[in-house]
Amino acid sequence: MKSLMKKKALWLIPVYTVFYVVSFMLLERRTTNVHIISSPLDQYIPFCEYFVIPYYLWFVYIIAILIYFSFFGADVKEYNQLVFSLGIGMTIFLFISWIWPNGLLLRPASFPRDNFFTGLVEGLYQADTSTNVFPSIHVYNSVVAFIAINRCKALKKRKAVRAGAFILSTLIILATVFLKQHSVVDVFGALVMNAILYVIIYRPEVFAGLVKKTAVE
């Protein structure tokens, strides 16, 4: 275990976490000149407060997978792929937010129901502004987590774990739009970023081939 730990740059996680949190807090202070993101499809998606549970589980999900790949995952390459997928994607999100301030006007003026779950959503709305939403990091990181779990050699025979990761990732993605935290545009942007970075990080030979083909043409 000790020799394995030395091969993993574990310091990257706490250092990047501090960088990301500080950067995001600074971004949250900027609420002027915001480009409003919307899609006609957003109007057909009803508000559903029960999705607040998978939305909050996202935090546990990401922390759990980082702990597993840091201290229990046997493959250093898999750890690096996970960490770089998360780090690069989240950095791209910060960059987009800095150069193109964006936000939403989708949150309901009042909740259609008054219950425990709407109370949780109200707390979420108070803690998180409706700015800096594109692409959705909840969506992007959930897909990254599922890909890492699905490709992990140590979990290949753990069908229940892989199925659970798929279900949770799907519920989190749905939660972003049913809670009116994101537009479908944010979801689509995150999935596009997932696809591009997956090819670059997990299939570098395919990416190199595409670059070579483009250069020749």
Protein backbone atom coordinates (compact mmCIF):
# COMPACT_ATOMS: atom_id res chain seq x y z
CA MET A 1 0.00 0.00 0.00
CA LYS A 2 2.79 2.46 0.89
CA SER A 3 4.59 1.88 -2.41
CA LEU A 4 1.30 2.33 -4.26
CA MET A 5 0.61 5.61 -2.47
CA LYS A 6 3.99 7.00 -3.54
CA LYS A 7 3.07 6.51 -7.16
CA LYS A 8 -0.15 8.48 -6.84
CA ALA A 9 0.00 12.26 -6.68
CA LEU A 10 -2.48 12.37 -3.80
CA TRP A 11 -1.60 15.99 -3.06
CA LEU A 12 -3.36 17.00 -6.27
CA ILE A 13 -6.80 16.48 -4.76
CA PRO A 14 -6.54 18.81 -1.71
CA VAL A 15 -4.53 21.43 -3.60
CA TYR A 16 -6.96 21.52 -6.51
CA THR A 17 -9.96 21.47 -4.17
CA VAL A 18 -8.73 24.66 -2.48
CA PHE A 19 -8.06 26.29 -5.86
CA TYR A 20 -11.49 25.34 -7.19
CA VAL A 21 -13.47 26.38 -4.10
CA VAL A 22 -11.73 29.77 -3.88
CA SER A 23 -12.19 30.39 -7.62
CA PHE A 24 -15.85 29.39 -7.49
CA MET A 25 -16.54 31.61 -4.48
CA LEU A 26 -15.04 34.56 -6.34
CA LEU A 27 -17.18 33.77 -9.37
CA GLU A 28 -20.32 33.61 -7.22
CA ARG A 29 -19.78 37.22 -6.16
CA ARG A 30 -20.17 38.42 -9.73
CA THR A 31 -23.85 38.70 -10.60
CA THR A 32 -23.89 41.47 -13.23
CA ASN A 33 -23.73 41.23 -17.04
CA VAL A 34 -24.86 37.62 -16.89
CA HIS A 35 -25.88 35.83 -20.09
CA ILE A 36 -29.16 34.00 -19.45
CA ILE A 37 -29.17 30.39 -20.62
CA SER A 38 -32.44 28.74 -21.61
CA SER A 39 -34.05 26.26 -23.94
CA PRO A 40 -37.69 25.76 -24.99
CA LEU A 41 -37.36 22.26 -23.55
CA ASP A 42 -36.88 23.67 -20.06
CA GLN A 43 -40.52 24.78 -19.97
CA TYR A 44 -41.69 21.19 -20.41
CA ILE A 45 -39.75 19.91 -17.40
CA PRO A 46 -41.78 20.25 -14.18
CA PHE A 47 -40.25 21.20 -10.86
CA CYS A 48 -39.89 18.13 -8.63
CA GLU A 49 -38.45 18.64 -5.17
CA TYR A 50 -37.82 14.93 -4.52
CA PHE A 51 -34.80 15.06 -6.81
CA VAL A 52 -33.02 17.07 -4.12
CA ILE A 53 -31.94 13.76 -2.57
CA PRO A 54 -29.82 12.53 -5.52
CA TYR A 55 -28.66 16.11 -6.06
CA TYR A 56 -27.16 16.22 -2.56
CA LEU A 57 -25.88 12.65 -2.89
CA TRP A 58 -23.60 13.96 -5.64
CA PHE A 59 -21.24 15.31 -2.96
CA VAL A 60 -21.05 11.90 -1.24
CA TYR A 61 -20.67 10.18 -4.62
CA ILE A 62 -17.68 12.25 -5.73
CA ILE A 63 -15.96 12.12 -2.33
CA ALA A 64 -16.48 8.35 -2.12
CA ILE A 65 -14.98 7.66 -5.54
CA LEU A 66 -11.98 9.88 -4.83
CA ILE A 67 -11.35 8.03 -1.56
CA TYR A 68 -11.67 4.64 -3.27
CA PHE A 69 -9.35 5.46 -6.15
CA SER A 70 -6.86 7.17 -3.82
CA PHE A 71 -6.57 4.53 -1.12
CA PHE A 72 -8.16 1.31 -2.38
CA GLY A 73 -7.99 1.32 -6.19
CA ALA A 74 -5.04 -0.81 -7.31
CA ASP A 75 -4.40 0.86 -10.65
CA VAL A 76 -2.39 4.10 -10.65
CA LYS A 77 -3.38 4.77 -14.26
CA GLU A 78 -7.06 4.63 -13.33
CA TYR A 79 -6.45 7.09 -10.50
CA ASN A 80 -4.67 9.50 -12.82
CA GLN A 81 -7.40 9.24 -15.44
CA LEU A 82 -10.07 10.03 -12.85
CA VAL A 83 -8.21 12.94 -11.28
CA PHE A 84 -7.25 14.52 -14.59
CA SER A 85 -10.76 14.06 -16.00
CA LEU A 86 -12.24 15.86 -13.01
CA GLY A 87 -9.56 18.53 -12.83
CA ILE A 88 -9.48 19.43 -16.52
CA GLY A 89 -13.25 19.53 -16.82
CA MET A 90 -13.73 21.66 -13.72
CA THR A 91 -10.98 24.03 -14.85
CA ILE A 92 -12.66 24.43 -18.24
CA PHE A 93 -15.89 25.24 -16.37
CA LEU A 94 -14.12 27.93 -14.32
CA PHE A 95 -12.56 29.41 -17.46
CA ILE A 96 -15.91 29.56 -19.27
CA SER A 97 -17.52 31.18 -16.23
CA TRP A 98 -14.78 33.83 -16.03
CA ILE A 99 -14.90 34.86 -19.69
CA TRP A 100 -18.64 34.29 -20.24
CA PRO A 101 -20.71 34.99 -17.10
CA ASN A 102 -23.91 32.95 -17.33
CA GLY A 103 -26.98 32.15 -15.32
CA LEU A 104 -30.59 30.99 -15.23
CA LEU A 105 -34.08 32.33 -14.62
CA LEU A 106 -35.72 28.95 -14.16
CA ARG A 107 -36.24 28.71 -10.41
CA PRO A 108 -39.90 28.84 -9.32
CA ALA A 109 -41.06 32.05 -7.62
CA SER A 110 -42.87 29.86 -5.09
CA PHE A 111 -42.93 26.13 -4.46
CA PRO A 112 -46.03 24.20 -5.56
CA ARG A 113 -45.87 22.20 -2.33
CA ASP A 114 -44.66 22.75 1.21
CA ASN A 115 -42.80 19.77 2.62
CA PHE A 116 -39.46 18.56 3.92
CA PHE A 117 -37.99 18.28 0.44
CA THR A 118 -38.95 21.79 -0.65
CA GLY A 119 -37.28 22.97 2.54
CA LEU A 120 -34.07 21.30 1.37
CA VAL A 121 -34.42 22.91 -2.04
CA GLU A 122 -34.96 26.30 -0.45
CA GLY A 123 -31.72 25.84 1.49
CA LEU A 124 -29.98 24.86 -1.74
CA TYR A 125 -31.24 27.97 -3.52
CA GLN A 126 -30.04 30.18 -0.67
CA ALA A 127 -26.57 28.61 -0.65
CA ASP A 128 -26.08 28.42 -4.41
CA THR A 129 -26.81 31.29 -6.78
CA SER A 130 -28.34 30.64 -10.19
CA THR A 131 -25.16 31.86 -11.91
CA ASN A 132 -22.11 30.00 -13.27
CA VAL A 133 -24.11 27.06 -14.55
CA PHE A 134 -22.58 26.16 -17.93
CA PRO A 135 -21.59 23.42 -18.34
CA SER A 136 -23.15 21.58 -15.41
CA ILE A 137 -20.43 20.26 -13.11
CA HIS A 138 -22.98 18.03 -11.37
CA VAL A 139 -23.59 16.34 -14.71
CA TYR A 140 -19.97 16.31 -15.86
CA ASN A 141 -18.53 14.89 -12.63
CA SER A 142 -21.29 12.28 -12.35
CA VAL A 143 -20.48 10.95 -15.82
CA VAL A 144 -16.74 11.00 -15.03
CA ALA A 145 -17.40 9.03 -11.84
CA PHE A 146 -19.48 6.44 -13.69
CA ILE A 147 -16.86 6.04 -16.42
CA ALA A 148 -14.12 5.56 -13.81
CA ILE A 149 -16.15 2.94 -11.94
CA ASN A 150 -17.19 1.16 -15.13
CA ARG A 151 -13.58 0.95 -16.37
CA CYS A 152 -12.00 0.05 -13.02
CA LYS A 153 -10.47 -3.43 -13.25
CA ALA A 154 -11.04 -4.11 -9.55
CA LEU A 155 -14.77 -3.47 -9.99
CA LYS A 156 -15.31 -5.42 -13.21
CA LYS A 157 -17.07 -8.24 -11.37
CA ARG A 158 -19.01 -5.91 -9.06
CA LYS A 159 -22.07 -5.61 -11.25
CA ALA A 160 -24.17 -4.19 -8.42
CA VAL A 161 -21.66 -1.37 -7.86
CA ARG A 162 -21.53 -0.52 -11.54
CA ALA A 163 -25.32 -0.65 -11.88
CA GLY A 164 -25.71 1.50 -8.77
CA ALA A 165 -23.26 4.05 -10.17
CA PHE A 166 -25.22 4.19 -13.42
CA ILE A 167 -28.54 4.68 -11.63
CA LEU A 168 -27.17 7.33 -9.27
CA SER A 169 -25.43 9.21 -12.10
CA THR A 170 -28.65 9.20 -14.11
CA LEU A 171 -30.71 10.45 -11.16
CA ILE A 172 -28.21 13.24 -10.49
CA ILE A 173 -28.35 14.35 -14.12
CA LEU A 174 -32.15 14.38 -14.00
CA ALA A 175 -32.06 16.24 -10.69
CA THR A 176 -30.23 19.19 -12.21
CA VAL A 177 -33.15 19.98 -14.51
CA PHE A 178 -36.05 18.90 -12.28
CA LEU A 179 -34.77 21.15 -9.49
CA LYS A 180 -34.33 24.00 -11.99
CA GLN A 181 -30.66 24.22 -11.10
CA HIS A 182 -29.70 23.83 -14.74
CA SER A 183 -31.05 24.17 -18.24
CA VAL A 184 -30.91 21.27 -20.68
CA VAL A 185 -28.30 23.43 -22.43
CA ASP A 186 -26.01 23.03 -19.41
CA VAL A 187 -26.57 19.28 -19.43
CA PHE A 188 -25.82 19.01 -23.14
CA GLY A 189 -22.68 21.14 -22.74
CA ALA A 190 -21.45 18.88 -19.95
CA LEU A 191 -22.06 15.72 -21.97
CA VAL A 192 -20.18 17.15 -24.95
CA MET A 193 -17.26 17.98 -22.66
CA ASN A 194 -17.46 14.44 -21.25
CA ALA A 195 -17.23 12.95 -24.74
CA ILE A 196 -14.28 15.10 -25.81
CA LEU A 197 -12.23 14.60 -22.66
CA TYR A 198 -13.04 10.88 -22.57
CA VAL A 199 -11.41 10.45 -25.97
CA ILE A 200 -8.39 12.54 -24.96
CA ILE A 201 -7.81 10.90 -21.57
CA TYR A 202 -9.11 7.34 -21.96
CA ARG A 203 -8.56 6.81 -25.69
CA PRO A 204 -5.42 8.82 -26.50
CA GLU A 205 -4.67 6.61 -29.51
CA VAL A 206 -8.02 7.58 -31.04
CA PHE A 207 -7.39 11.25 -30.27
CA ALA A 208 -3.90 11.06 -31.80
CA GLY A 209 -5.37 9.44 -34.91
CA LEU A 210 -7.97 12.18 -35.26
CA VAL A 211 -5.33 14.88 -34.86
CA LYS A 212 -3.09 13.20 -37.44
CA LYS A 213 -5.96 12.81 -39.88
CA THR A 214 -6.94 16.45 -39.48
CA ALA A 215 -3.35 17.59 -39.99
CA VAL A 216 -3.04 15.57 -43.20
CA GLU A 217 -6.28 16.98 -44.59
